[in-house]
Amino acid sequence: MDQFFQQPLSKTFYRKPTEEVARRMLGKLLVHKSAQGITAGRIVETEAYLFHNDPACHACRGMTARNQAMFGEAGYAYVYLIYGIHYCFNVVAAPPGEGEAVLVRALEPVYGLELMAQRRKTQVKRQLTSGPGKLCQAMAIDKTLNEADLTAGPLFLADDGEEPGEIITTTRIGISVAEDLPLRFYVSGNPYVSRK
């Protein structure tokens, strides 16, 4: 298990169209080596957010102090706060200047479950990482990791060779505009996929 903790995915993985990156991220491991310990989860649900013709994308109206990470190089983190309490973790995709990213909506916890449970204050495994705010709390992802290089750690994606299985494409959830775009991807039958 230690081997994949040392091998972040390279920049070339992220230098693809954002929708493709969102699909390819399914089954990959999100790993965080924090001062408290290592936690890791398998990505089972993502959503793509596009610069053009996608009013739900934070970058659709141009660069701001909040979203500037989205306009940078692919393979970096974009972390933001919603409702003043929950962090959301995104992976920047597309060429610099395009302003696109992939939201990680859910993980299947695979390593460091005791630490995740402490952070989430629950022993219910299904509740650890089955939503974007939950997984950030469980994995200790916050604004300090905004613009982090995902190819250099301590937060990174890794590939242990496991295939995700059947991938479902559907519309995004939890947004009030552009709900009809088929930009949400998840692993069929996985119990950690978030709910509407």
N, C-alpha and C. Protein backbone atom coordinates (compact mmCIF):
# COMPACT_ATOMS: atom_id res chain seq x y z
N MET A 1 0.82 -1.21 0.00
CA MET A 1 0.00 0.00 0.00
C MET A 1 0.86 1.26 0.00
N ASP A 2 2.04 1.20 0.60
CA ASP A 2 2.91 2.38 0.65
C ASP A 2 3.34 2.86 -0.73
N GLN A 3 3.43 1.92 -1.67
CA GLN A 3 3.99 2.27 -2.98
C GLN A 3 3.19 3.36 -3.68
N PHE A 4 1.85 3.24 -3.69
CA PHE A 4 1.08 4.24 -4.42
C PHE A 4 1.05 5.58 -3.68
N PHE A 5 1.41 5.58 -2.39
CA PHE A 5 1.48 6.85 -1.65
C PHE A 5 2.69 7.68 -2.09
N GLN A 6 3.61 7.08 -2.81
CA GLN A 6 4.81 7.80 -3.24
C GLN A 6 4.75 8.23 -4.70
N GLN A 7 3.70 7.87 -5.41
CA GLN A 7 3.67 8.07 -6.86
C GLN A 7 2.48 8.92 -7.31
N PRO A 8 2.57 10.25 -7.18
CA PRO A 8 1.49 11.09 -7.70
C PRO A 8 1.37 10.97 -9.21
N LEU A 9 0.16 11.13 -9.71
CA LEU A 9 -0.04 11.17 -11.15
C LEU A 9 0.72 12.36 -11.72
N SER A 10 1.19 12.21 -12.95
CA SER A 10 1.99 13.27 -13.58
C SER A 10 1.10 14.36 -14.17
N LYS A 11 1.71 15.45 -14.56
CA LYS A 11 0.97 16.58 -15.15
C LYS A 11 0.21 16.16 -16.42
N THR A 12 0.75 15.19 -17.16
CA THR A 12 0.10 14.81 -18.42
C THR A 12 -1.29 14.23 -18.18
N PHE A 13 -1.53 13.63 -17.01
CA PHE A 13 -2.85 13.08 -16.70
C PHE A 13 -3.91 14.18 -16.75
N TYR A 14 -3.57 15.38 -16.32
CA TYR A 14 -4.53 16.47 -16.20
C TYR A 14 -4.65 17.32 -17.45
N ARG A 15 -3.74 17.14 -18.39
CA ARG A 15 -3.72 17.96 -19.61
C ARG A 15 -4.58 17.33 -20.70
N LYS A 16 -5.84 17.20 -20.38
CA LYS A 16 -6.85 16.62 -21.29
C LYS A 16 -8.10 17.49 -21.16
N PRO A 17 -9.07 17.32 -22.06
CA PRO A 17 -10.34 18.05 -21.88
C PRO A 17 -10.94 17.75 -20.50
N THR A 18 -11.54 18.75 -19.90
CA THR A 18 -12.00 18.65 -18.51
C THR A 18 -12.97 17.50 -18.30
N GLU A 19 -13.90 17.30 -19.23
CA GLU A 19 -14.85 16.18 -19.08
C GLU A 19 -14.12 14.85 -19.07
N GLU A 20 -13.08 14.73 -19.88
CA GLU A 20 -12.30 13.49 -19.92
C GLU A 20 -11.55 13.28 -18.61
N VAL A 21 -10.98 14.36 -18.08
CA VAL A 21 -10.27 14.27 -16.80
C VAL A 21 -11.25 13.83 -15.70
N ALA A 22 -12.46 14.39 -15.72
CA ALA A 22 -13.47 14.04 -14.71
C ALA A 22 -13.78 12.55 -14.72
N ARG A 23 -13.89 11.98 -15.92
CA ARG A 23 -14.15 10.54 -16.03
C ARG A 23 -12.93 9.71 -15.62
N ARG A 24 -11.75 10.16 -16.04
CA ARG A 24 -10.51 9.40 -15.78
C ARG A 24 -10.13 9.42 -14.30
N MET A 25 -10.60 10.42 -13.58
CA MET A 25 -10.29 10.49 -12.15
C MET A 25 -11.02 9.42 -11.35
N LEU A 26 -12.13 8.91 -11.87
CA LEU A 26 -12.87 7.87 -11.15
C LEU A 26 -12.00 6.62 -11.00
N GLY A 27 -11.94 6.12 -9.79
CA GLY A 27 -11.11 4.95 -9.49
C GLY A 27 -9.72 5.30 -9.00
N LYS A 28 -9.30 6.55 -9.22
CA LYS A 28 -7.99 6.97 -8.73
C LYS A 28 -8.08 7.28 -7.24
N LEU A 29 -6.94 7.30 -6.57
CA LEU A 29 -6.88 7.55 -5.14
C LEU A 29 -6.53 9.01 -4.87
N LEU A 30 -7.25 9.62 -3.97
CA LEU A 30 -6.89 10.94 -3.46
C LEU A 30 -6.18 10.71 -2.13
N VAL A 31 -4.95 11.18 -2.03
CA VAL A 31 -4.10 10.92 -0.87
C VAL A 31 -3.71 12.26 -0.23
N HIS A 32 -3.79 12.33 1.08
CA HIS A 32 -3.30 13.51 1.80
C HIS A 32 -2.37 13.07 2.92
N LYS A 33 -1.12 13.49 2.81
CA LYS A 33 -0.13 13.24 3.87
C LYS A 33 -0.10 14.48 4.76
N SER A 34 -0.87 14.45 5.83
CA SER A 34 -0.93 15.60 6.73
C SER A 34 -0.07 15.33 7.96
N ALA A 35 0.08 16.35 8.80
CA ALA A 35 0.85 16.21 10.03
C ALA A 35 0.22 15.18 10.96
N GLN A 36 -1.09 14.98 10.86
CA GLN A 36 -1.80 14.01 11.70
C GLN A 36 -1.66 12.58 11.21
N GLY A 37 -1.35 12.41 9.93
CA GLY A 37 -1.25 11.07 9.36
C GLY A 37 -1.73 11.05 7.93
N ILE A 38 -1.67 9.88 7.32
CA ILE A 38 -2.07 9.71 5.92
C ILE A 38 -3.52 9.26 5.85
N THR A 39 -4.28 9.91 4.97
CA THR A 39 -5.63 9.45 4.64
C THR A 39 -5.73 9.31 3.13
N ALA A 40 -6.54 8.37 2.69
CA ALA A 40 -6.72 8.16 1.25
C ALA A 40 -8.11 7.63 0.96
N GLY A 41 -8.65 8.04 -0.17
CA GLY A 41 -9.95 7.54 -0.60
C GLY A 41 -9.98 7.39 -2.10
N ARG A 42 -10.79 6.43 -2.57
CA ARG A 42 -10.93 6.20 -4.00
C ARG A 42 -12.03 7.12 -4.54
N ILE A 43 -11.72 7.85 -5.59
CA ILE A 43 -12.68 8.79 -6.16
C ILE A 43 -13.80 8.02 -6.86
N VAL A 44 -15.05 8.27 -6.44
CA VAL A 44 -16.19 7.55 -7.00
C VAL A 44 -17.23 8.48 -7.63
N GLU A 45 -17.03 9.80 -7.52
CA GLU A 45 -17.99 10.74 -8.09
C GLU A 45 -17.29 12.07 -8.37
N THR A 46 -17.48 12.59 -9.58
CA THR A 46 -16.90 13.88 -9.97
C THR A 46 -17.92 14.69 -10.76
N GLU A 47 -17.66 15.99 -10.86
CA GLU A 47 -18.44 16.87 -11.73
C GLU A 47 -17.48 17.80 -12.45
N ALA A 48 -17.70 17.99 -13.74
CA ALA A 48 -16.89 18.92 -14.54
C ALA A 48 -17.56 20.28 -14.57
N TYR A 49 -16.75 21.33 -14.51
CA TYR A 49 -17.22 22.71 -14.63
C TYR A 49 -16.40 23.40 -15.71
N LEU A 50 -17.11 23.91 -16.73
CA LEU A 50 -16.49 24.38 -17.96
C LEU A 50 -16.54 25.90 -18.09
N PHE A 51 -15.54 26.47 -18.74
CA PHE A 51 -15.41 27.92 -18.89
C PHE A 51 -16.48 28.49 -19.81
N HIS A 52 -16.78 27.78 -20.90
CA HIS A 52 -17.70 28.29 -21.91
C HIS A 52 -19.09 27.65 -21.75
N ASN A 53 -20.12 28.48 -21.83
CA ASN A 53 -21.52 28.02 -21.83
C ASN A 53 -21.88 27.18 -20.60
N ASP A 54 -21.30 27.50 -19.47
CA ASP A 54 -21.61 26.80 -18.22
C ASP A 54 -21.72 27.83 -17.09
N PRO A 55 -22.91 28.41 -16.91
CA PRO A 55 -23.07 29.46 -15.88
C PRO A 55 -22.89 28.97 -14.45
N ALA A 56 -22.83 27.65 -14.23
CA ALA A 56 -22.58 27.13 -12.89
C ALA A 56 -21.09 27.14 -12.55
N CYS A 57 -20.25 27.35 -13.54
CA CYS A 57 -18.79 27.36 -13.33
C CYS A 57 -18.38 28.66 -12.66
N HIS A 58 -17.56 28.59 -11.64
CA HIS A 58 -17.09 29.79 -10.93
C HIS A 58 -16.33 30.74 -11.84
N ALA A 59 -15.76 30.22 -12.91
CA ALA A 59 -14.92 31.04 -13.79
C ALA A 59 -15.69 31.68 -14.94
N CYS A 60 -16.98 31.41 -15.06
CA CYS A 60 -17.73 31.83 -16.26
C CYS A 60 -17.75 33.34 -16.46
N ARG A 61 -17.60 34.12 -15.39
CA ARG A 61 -17.62 35.58 -15.50
C ARG A 61 -16.22 36.19 -15.42
N GLY A 62 -15.20 35.36 -15.46
CA GLY A 62 -13.84 35.86 -15.44
C GLY A 62 -13.13 35.59 -14.13
N MET A 63 -11.88 36.00 -14.07
CA MET A 63 -11.04 35.72 -12.91
C MET A 63 -11.35 36.66 -11.75
N THR A 64 -11.38 36.08 -10.55
CA THR A 64 -11.52 36.84 -9.32
C THR A 64 -10.47 36.33 -8.33
N ALA A 65 -10.38 36.98 -7.18
CA ALA A 65 -9.45 36.51 -6.15
C ALA A 65 -9.81 35.10 -5.70
N ARG A 66 -11.13 34.80 -5.68
CA ARG A 66 -11.57 33.48 -5.22
C ARG A 66 -11.22 32.38 -6.20
N ASN A 67 -11.42 32.63 -7.50
CA ASN A 67 -11.31 31.54 -8.47
C ASN A 67 -10.02 31.53 -9.27
N GLN A 68 -9.04 32.36 -8.93
CA GLN A 68 -7.86 32.48 -9.79
C GLN A 68 -7.12 31.16 -9.98
N ALA A 69 -7.22 30.24 -9.02
CA ALA A 69 -6.56 28.94 -9.18
C ALA A 69 -7.07 28.21 -10.42
N MET A 70 -8.35 28.42 -10.76
CA MET A 70 -8.94 27.73 -11.92
C MET A 70 -8.28 28.14 -13.23
N PHE A 71 -7.71 29.33 -13.28
CA PHE A 71 -7.12 29.84 -14.52
C PHE A 71 -5.65 29.47 -14.66
N GLY A 72 -5.14 28.75 -13.70
CA GLY A 72 -3.73 28.35 -13.73
C GLY A 72 -3.51 27.05 -14.48
N GLU A 73 -2.39 26.45 -14.19
CA GLU A 73 -1.98 25.22 -14.87
C GLU A 73 -2.80 24.02 -14.39
N ALA A 74 -3.09 23.11 -15.30
CA ALA A 74 -3.80 21.88 -14.95
C ALA A 74 -2.98 21.07 -13.97
N GLY A 75 -3.69 20.39 -13.04
CA GLY A 75 -3.00 19.55 -12.06
C GLY A 75 -2.77 20.25 -10.74
N TYR A 76 -3.46 21.37 -10.53
CA TYR A 76 -3.39 22.08 -9.26
C TYR A 76 -4.75 22.02 -8.57
N ALA A 77 -4.75 22.27 -7.27
CA ALA A 77 -5.98 22.23 -6.48
C ALA A 77 -6.69 23.58 -6.51
N TYR A 78 -8.01 23.51 -6.55
CA TYR A 78 -8.85 24.69 -6.34
C TYR A 78 -9.77 24.34 -5.17
N VAL A 79 -9.56 25.00 -4.04
CA VAL A 79 -10.33 24.73 -2.82
C VAL A 79 -11.08 25.99 -2.44
N TYR A 80 -12.38 25.86 -2.21
CA TYR A 80 -13.17 27.02 -1.82
C TYR A 80 -14.17 26.63 -0.73
N LEU A 81 -14.70 27.66 -0.09
CA LEU A 81 -15.64 27.48 1.02
C LEU A 81 -17.06 27.77 0.55
N ILE A 82 -18.01 26.90 0.94
CA ILE A 82 -19.42 27.15 0.63
C ILE A 82 -20.22 27.24 1.92
N TYR A 83 -21.24 28.06 1.90
CA TYR A 83 -22.12 28.28 3.07
C TYR A 83 -21.34 28.71 4.31
N GLY A 84 -20.10 29.15 4.10
CA GLY A 84 -19.29 29.61 5.21
C GLY A 84 -18.75 28.52 6.12
N ILE A 85 -19.01 27.25 5.77
CA ILE A 85 -18.59 26.16 6.66
C ILE A 85 -17.95 24.95 5.96
N HIS A 86 -18.30 24.67 4.71
CA HIS A 86 -17.84 23.46 4.04
C HIS A 86 -16.84 23.80 2.93
N TYR A 87 -15.72 23.08 2.92
CA TYR A 87 -14.77 23.22 1.82
C TYR A 87 -15.12 22.25 0.70
N CYS A 88 -14.78 22.65 -0.52
CA CYS A 88 -14.93 21.78 -1.69
C CYS A 88 -13.58 21.70 -2.39
N PHE A 89 -13.22 20.49 -2.82
CA PHE A 89 -11.93 20.24 -3.46
C PHE A 89 -12.14 19.99 -4.95
N ASN A 90 -11.40 20.74 -5.76
CA ASN A 90 -11.46 20.61 -7.22
C ASN A 90 -10.07 20.43 -7.78
N VAL A 91 -10.00 19.80 -8.94
CA VAL A 91 -8.76 19.64 -9.68
C VAL A 91 -8.83 20.52 -10.92
N VAL A 92 -7.87 21.42 -11.08
CA VAL A 92 -7.84 22.29 -12.24
C VAL A 92 -7.49 21.47 -13.48
N ALA A 93 -8.25 21.70 -14.55
CA ALA A 93 -8.01 21.03 -15.82
C ALA A 93 -8.02 22.09 -16.92
N ALA A 94 -7.85 21.69 -18.16
CA ALA A 94 -7.84 22.59 -19.32
C ALA A 94 -6.57 23.46 -19.32
N PRO A 95 -6.26 24.09 -20.46
CA PRO A 95 -5.06 24.93 -20.54
C PRO A 95 -5.18 26.17 -19.66
N PRO A 96 -4.05 26.75 -19.24
CA PRO A 96 -4.07 27.98 -18.45
C PRO A 96 -4.89 29.07 -19.15
N GLY A 97 -5.67 29.78 -18.36
CA GLY A 97 -6.52 30.84 -18.90
C GLY A 97 -7.93 30.41 -19.21
N GLU A 98 -8.18 29.10 -19.25
CA GLU A 98 -9.51 28.60 -19.59
C GLU A 98 -10.48 28.60 -18.41
N GLY A 99 -9.98 28.43 -17.20
CA GLY A 99 -10.85 28.47 -16.03
C GLY A 99 -11.79 27.29 -15.91
N GLU A 100 -11.25 26.08 -15.87
CA GLU A 100 -12.07 24.87 -15.75
C GLU A 100 -11.54 23.99 -14.63
N ALA A 101 -12.42 23.20 -14.04
CA ALA A 101 -12.00 22.33 -12.94
C ALA A 101 -12.97 21.17 -12.78
N VAL A 102 -12.53 20.18 -12.03
CA VAL A 102 -13.34 18.99 -11.72
C VAL A 102 -13.55 18.96 -10.21
N LEU A 103 -14.81 19.00 -9.80
CA LEU A 103 -15.16 18.87 -8.39
C LEU A 103 -15.16 17.40 -8.01
N VAL A 104 -14.48 17.06 -6.93
CA VAL A 104 -14.56 15.69 -6.39
C VAL A 104 -15.72 15.68 -5.41
N ARG A 105 -16.77 14.93 -5.75
CA ARG A 105 -17.99 14.91 -4.94
C ARG A 105 -17.99 13.81 -3.90
N ALA A 106 -17.30 12.69 -4.15
CA ALA A 106 -17.34 11.59 -3.18
C ALA A 106 -16.14 10.67 -3.34
N LEU A 107 -15.75 10.11 -2.20
CA LEU A 107 -14.67 9.12 -2.14
C LEU A 107 -15.17 7.87 -1.44
N GLU A 108 -14.56 6.75 -1.76
CA GLU A 108 -14.70 5.55 -0.95
C GLU A 108 -13.47 5.49 -0.05
N PRO A 109 -13.62 5.60 1.28
CA PRO A 109 -12.46 5.64 2.15
C PRO A 109 -11.68 4.33 2.12
N VAL A 110 -10.35 4.42 1.98
CA VAL A 110 -9.55 3.20 1.89
C VAL A 110 -8.39 3.15 2.88
N TYR A 111 -7.98 4.28 3.43
CA TYR A 111 -6.81 4.29 4.31
C TYR A 111 -6.95 5.44 5.30
N GLY A 112 -6.57 5.18 6.55
CA GLY A 112 -6.65 6.22 7.57
C GLY A 112 -8.06 6.45 8.06
N LEU A 113 -8.86 5.37 8.10
CA LEU A 113 -10.28 5.51 8.46
C LEU A 113 -10.49 6.00 9.90
N GLU A 114 -9.62 5.59 10.81
CA GLU A 114 -9.76 6.06 12.19
C GLU A 114 -9.57 7.56 12.29
N LEU A 115 -8.59 8.07 11.56
CA LEU A 115 -8.35 9.51 11.54
C LEU A 115 -9.51 10.25 10.89
N MET A 116 -10.03 9.69 9.80
CA MET A 116 -11.20 10.28 9.16
C MET A 116 -12.39 10.34 10.12
N ALA A 117 -12.59 9.26 10.87
CA ALA A 117 -13.71 9.19 11.81
C ALA A 117 -13.57 10.23 12.92
N GLN A 118 -12.34 10.42 13.39
CA GLN A 118 -12.10 11.46 14.39
C GLN A 118 -12.45 12.84 13.85
N ARG A 119 -12.01 13.11 12.65
CA ARG A 119 -12.27 14.42 12.05
C ARG A 119 -13.75 14.64 11.78
N ARG A 120 -14.43 13.58 11.38
CA ARG A 120 -15.85 13.69 11.03
C ARG A 120 -16.76 13.48 12.25
N LYS A 121 -16.18 13.01 13.35
CA LYS A 121 -16.94 12.75 14.57
C LYS A 121 -18.09 11.77 14.33
N THR A 122 -17.77 10.71 13.59
CA THR A 122 -18.74 9.64 13.36
C THR A 122 -17.99 8.34 13.08
N GLN A 123 -18.56 7.24 13.52
CA GLN A 123 -18.01 5.92 13.23
C GLN A 123 -18.72 5.25 12.05
N VAL A 124 -19.71 5.94 11.48
CA VAL A 124 -20.47 5.40 10.34
C VAL A 124 -19.65 5.59 9.08
N LYS A 125 -19.12 4.50 8.55
CA LYS A 125 -18.20 4.57 7.42
C LYS A 125 -18.82 5.28 6.22
N ARG A 126 -20.10 5.04 5.99
CA ARG A 126 -20.81 5.66 4.85
C ARG A 126 -20.83 7.19 4.95
N GLN A 127 -20.72 7.71 6.17
CA GLN A 127 -20.79 9.16 6.38
C GLN A 127 -19.43 9.86 6.32
N LEU A 128 -18.37 9.13 6.12
CA LEU A 128 -17.05 9.74 6.17
C LEU A 128 -16.75 10.63 4.97
N THR A 129 -17.06 10.14 3.76
CA THR A 129 -16.59 10.84 2.55
C THR A 129 -17.63 10.87 1.43
N SER A 130 -18.90 10.72 1.78
CA SER A 130 -19.96 10.61 0.76
C SER A 130 -20.57 11.97 0.41
N GLY A 131 -19.72 12.94 0.16
CA GLY A 131 -20.16 14.27 -0.23
C GLY A 131 -18.95 15.19 -0.24
N PRO A 132 -19.00 16.29 -0.99
CA PRO A 132 -17.81 17.14 -1.13
C PRO A 132 -17.35 17.78 0.17
N GLY A 133 -18.27 18.24 1.01
CA GLY A 133 -17.89 18.82 2.29
C GLY A 133 -17.38 17.78 3.26
N LYS A 134 -18.02 16.61 3.26
CA LYS A 134 -17.62 15.51 4.15
C LYS A 134 -16.20 15.05 3.84
N LEU A 135 -15.90 14.86 2.56
CA LEU A 135 -14.58 14.33 2.21
C LEU A 135 -13.49 15.33 2.54
N CYS A 136 -13.78 16.62 2.39
CA CYS A 136 -12.76 17.62 2.74
C CYS A 136 -12.49 17.61 4.25
N GLN A 137 -13.53 17.46 5.04
CA GLN A 137 -13.34 17.38 6.49
C GLN A 137 -12.57 16.11 6.85
N ALA A 138 -12.95 14.98 6.28
CA ALA A 138 -12.30 13.71 6.58
C ALA A 138 -10.83 13.69 6.15
N MET A 139 -10.54 14.36 5.05
CA MET A 139 -9.18 14.36 4.50
C MET A 139 -8.36 15.58 4.93
N ALA A 140 -8.95 16.46 5.75
CA ALA A 140 -8.29 17.68 6.22
C ALA A 140 -7.85 18.57 5.06
N ILE A 141 -8.77 18.77 4.12
CA ILE A 141 -8.52 19.66 2.98
C ILE A 141 -9.21 20.99 3.27
N ASP A 142 -8.42 22.06 3.27
CA ASP A 142 -8.98 23.39 3.51
C ASP A 142 -8.27 24.40 2.61
N LYS A 143 -8.53 25.71 2.86
CA LYS A 143 -8.00 26.75 1.97
C LYS A 143 -6.47 26.77 1.93
N THR A 144 -5.80 26.22 2.93
CA THR A 144 -4.34 26.21 2.90
C THR A 144 -3.82 25.36 1.73
N LEU A 145 -4.68 24.49 1.18
CA LEU A 145 -4.29 23.64 0.06
C LEU A 145 -4.76 24.19 -1.29
N ASN A 146 -5.39 25.36 -1.29
CA ASN A 146 -5.77 26.00 -2.54
C ASN A 146 -4.50 26.30 -3.33
N GLU A 147 -4.53 25.96 -4.62
CA GLU A 147 -3.40 26.15 -5.54
C GLU A 147 -2.23 25.20 -5.26
N ALA A 148 -2.47 24.16 -4.47
CA ALA A 148 -1.42 23.16 -4.24
C ALA A 148 -1.14 22.37 -5.52
N ASP A 149 0.12 22.08 -5.76
CA ASP A 149 0.54 21.27 -6.91
C ASP A 149 0.24 19.81 -6.59
N LEU A 150 -0.70 19.22 -7.32
CA LEU A 150 -1.12 17.84 -7.05
C LEU A 150 -0.13 16.80 -7.56
N THR A 151 0.94 17.24 -8.18
CA THR A 151 1.96 16.29 -8.61
C THR A 151 3.16 16.30 -7.66
N ALA A 152 3.08 17.12 -6.61
CA ALA A 152 4.23 17.25 -5.71
C ALA A 152 3.91 16.95 -4.25
N GLY A 153 2.64 16.66 -3.92
CA GLY A 153 2.27 16.39 -2.54
C GLY A 153 2.25 17.66 -1.72
N PRO A 154 1.73 17.63 -0.49
CA PRO A 154 1.28 16.46 0.27
C PRO A 154 -0.09 15.92 -0.13
N LEU A 155 -0.80 16.69 -0.99
CA LEU A 155 -2.10 16.26 -1.49
C LEU A 155 -1.94 15.89 -2.95
N PHE A 156 -2.34 14.67 -3.31
CA PHE A 156 -2.14 14.24 -4.70
C PHE A 156 -3.08 13.09 -5.07
N LEU A 157 -3.17 12.86 -6.37
CA LEU A 157 -3.90 11.71 -6.90
C LEU A 157 -2.90 10.63 -7.28
N ALA A 158 -3.29 9.37 -7.06
CA ALA A 158 -2.42 8.24 -7.37
C ALA A 158 -3.25 7.15 -8.03
N ASP A 159 -2.57 6.24 -8.70
CA ASP A 159 -3.22 5.14 -9.42
C ASP A 159 -2.66 3.82 -8.91
N ASP A 160 -3.53 3.02 -8.29
CA ASP A 160 -3.08 1.69 -7.83
C ASP A 160 -3.50 0.58 -8.78
N GLY A 161 -3.99 0.98 -9.96
CA GLY A 161 -4.32 0.00 -11.00
C GLY A 161 -5.72 -0.54 -10.94
N GLU A 162 -6.49 -0.19 -9.92
CA GLU A 162 -7.86 -0.71 -9.81
C GLU A 162 -8.79 0.04 -10.75
N GLU A 163 -9.58 -0.72 -11.51
CA GLU A 163 -10.53 -0.12 -12.45
C GLU A 163 -11.80 0.26 -11.70
N PRO A 164 -12.45 1.36 -12.10
CA PRO A 164 -13.62 1.83 -11.36
C PRO A 164 -14.89 1.02 -11.60
N GLY A 165 -14.96 0.28 -12.69
CA GLY A 165 -16.20 -0.40 -13.04
C GLY A 165 -17.06 0.48 -13.94
N GLU A 166 -18.35 0.22 -13.99
CA GLU A 166 -19.25 0.97 -14.86
C GLU A 166 -19.36 2.42 -14.41
N ILE A 167 -19.21 3.33 -15.38
CA ILE A 167 -19.31 4.76 -15.08
C ILE A 167 -20.62 5.30 -15.64
N ILE A 168 -21.36 5.98 -14.79
CA ILE A 168 -22.63 6.60 -15.17
C ILE A 168 -22.40 8.08 -15.43
N THR A 169 -22.96 8.60 -16.52
CA THR A 169 -22.93 10.02 -16.83
C THR A 169 -24.32 10.58 -16.63
N THR A 170 -24.43 11.67 -15.88
CA THR A 170 -25.74 12.25 -15.60
C THR A 170 -25.60 13.75 -15.37
N THR A 171 -26.67 14.40 -14.97
CA THR A 171 -26.63 15.83 -14.71
C THR A 171 -26.09 16.10 -13.31
N ARG A 172 -25.56 17.30 -13.12
CA ARG A 172 -24.97 17.67 -11.85
C ARG A 172 -26.05 17.93 -10.79
N ILE A 173 -25.65 17.88 -9.54
CA ILE A 173 -26.59 18.09 -8.44
C ILE A 173 -26.06 19.19 -7.51
N GLY A 174 -26.97 19.75 -6.71
CA GLY A 174 -26.57 20.75 -5.74
C GLY A 174 -26.31 22.13 -6.32
N ILE A 175 -26.78 22.38 -7.55
CA ILE A 175 -26.61 23.69 -8.17
C ILE A 175 -27.98 24.19 -8.63
N SER A 176 -28.07 25.49 -8.87
CA SER A 176 -29.36 26.07 -9.25
C SER A 176 -29.41 26.54 -10.69
N VAL A 177 -28.26 26.52 -11.40
CA VAL A 177 -28.22 26.88 -12.82
C VAL A 177 -27.48 25.79 -13.59
N ALA A 178 -27.81 25.67 -14.88
CA ALA A 178 -27.16 24.69 -15.76
C ALA A 178 -27.24 23.27 -15.20
N GLU A 179 -28.38 22.96 -14.54
CA GLU A 179 -28.55 21.62 -13.96
C GLU A 179 -28.70 20.55 -15.03
N ASP A 180 -29.02 20.96 -16.26
CA ASP A 180 -29.32 19.99 -17.31
C ASP A 180 -28.08 19.48 -18.04
N LEU A 181 -26.91 20.03 -17.76
CA LEU A 181 -25.72 19.59 -18.47
C LEU A 181 -25.22 18.25 -17.93
N PRO A 182 -24.93 17.29 -18.81
CA PRO A 182 -24.50 15.94 -18.37
C PRO A 182 -23.02 15.91 -18.01
N LEU A 183 -22.69 16.53 -16.88
CA LEU A 183 -21.28 16.69 -16.51
C LEU A 183 -20.95 16.07 -15.16
N ARG A 184 -21.82 15.19 -14.69
CA ARG A 184 -21.56 14.47 -13.44
C ARG A 184 -21.26 13.02 -13.79
N PHE A 185 -20.24 12.47 -13.15
CA PHE A 185 -19.81 11.10 -13.45
C PHE A 185 -19.64 10.35 -12.13
N TYR A 186 -20.16 9.13 -12.08
CA TYR A 186 -19.99 8.36 -10.84
C TYR A 186 -19.91 6.87 -11.14
N VAL A 187 -19.37 6.14 -10.17
CA VAL A 187 -19.21 4.69 -10.29
C VAL A 187 -20.53 4.04 -9.92
N SER A 188 -21.08 3.30 -10.84
CA SER A 188 -22.38 2.67 -10.65
C SER A 188 -22.37 1.73 -9.44
N GLY A 189 -23.39 1.87 -8.59
CA GLY A 189 -23.57 0.97 -7.46
C GLY A 189 -22.69 1.23 -6.27
N ASN A 190 -21.82 2.22 -6.34
CA ASN A 190 -20.93 2.48 -5.20
C ASN A 190 -21.71 3.17 -4.08
N PRO A 191 -21.68 2.64 -2.86
CA PRO A 191 -22.50 3.19 -1.78
C PRO A 191 -22.03 4.56 -1.27
N TYR A 192 -20.86 5.01 -1.69
CA TYR A 192 -20.35 6.29 -1.21
C TYR A 192 -20.70 7.45 -2.13
N VAL A 193 -21.32 7.18 -3.25
CA VAL A 193 -21.76 8.26 -4.13
C VAL A 193 -22.75 9.13 -3.36
N SER A 194 -22.61 10.45 -3.51
CA SER A 194 -23.46 11.38 -2.74
C SER A 194 -24.90 11.34 -3.23
N ARG A 195 -25.78 11.84 -2.40
CA ARG A 195 -27.22 11.85 -2.70
C ARG A 195 -27.65 13.26 -3.03
N LYS A 196 -28.73 13.38 -3.77
CA LYS A 196 -29.28 14.70 -4.08
C LYS A 196 -29.80 15.34 -2.81
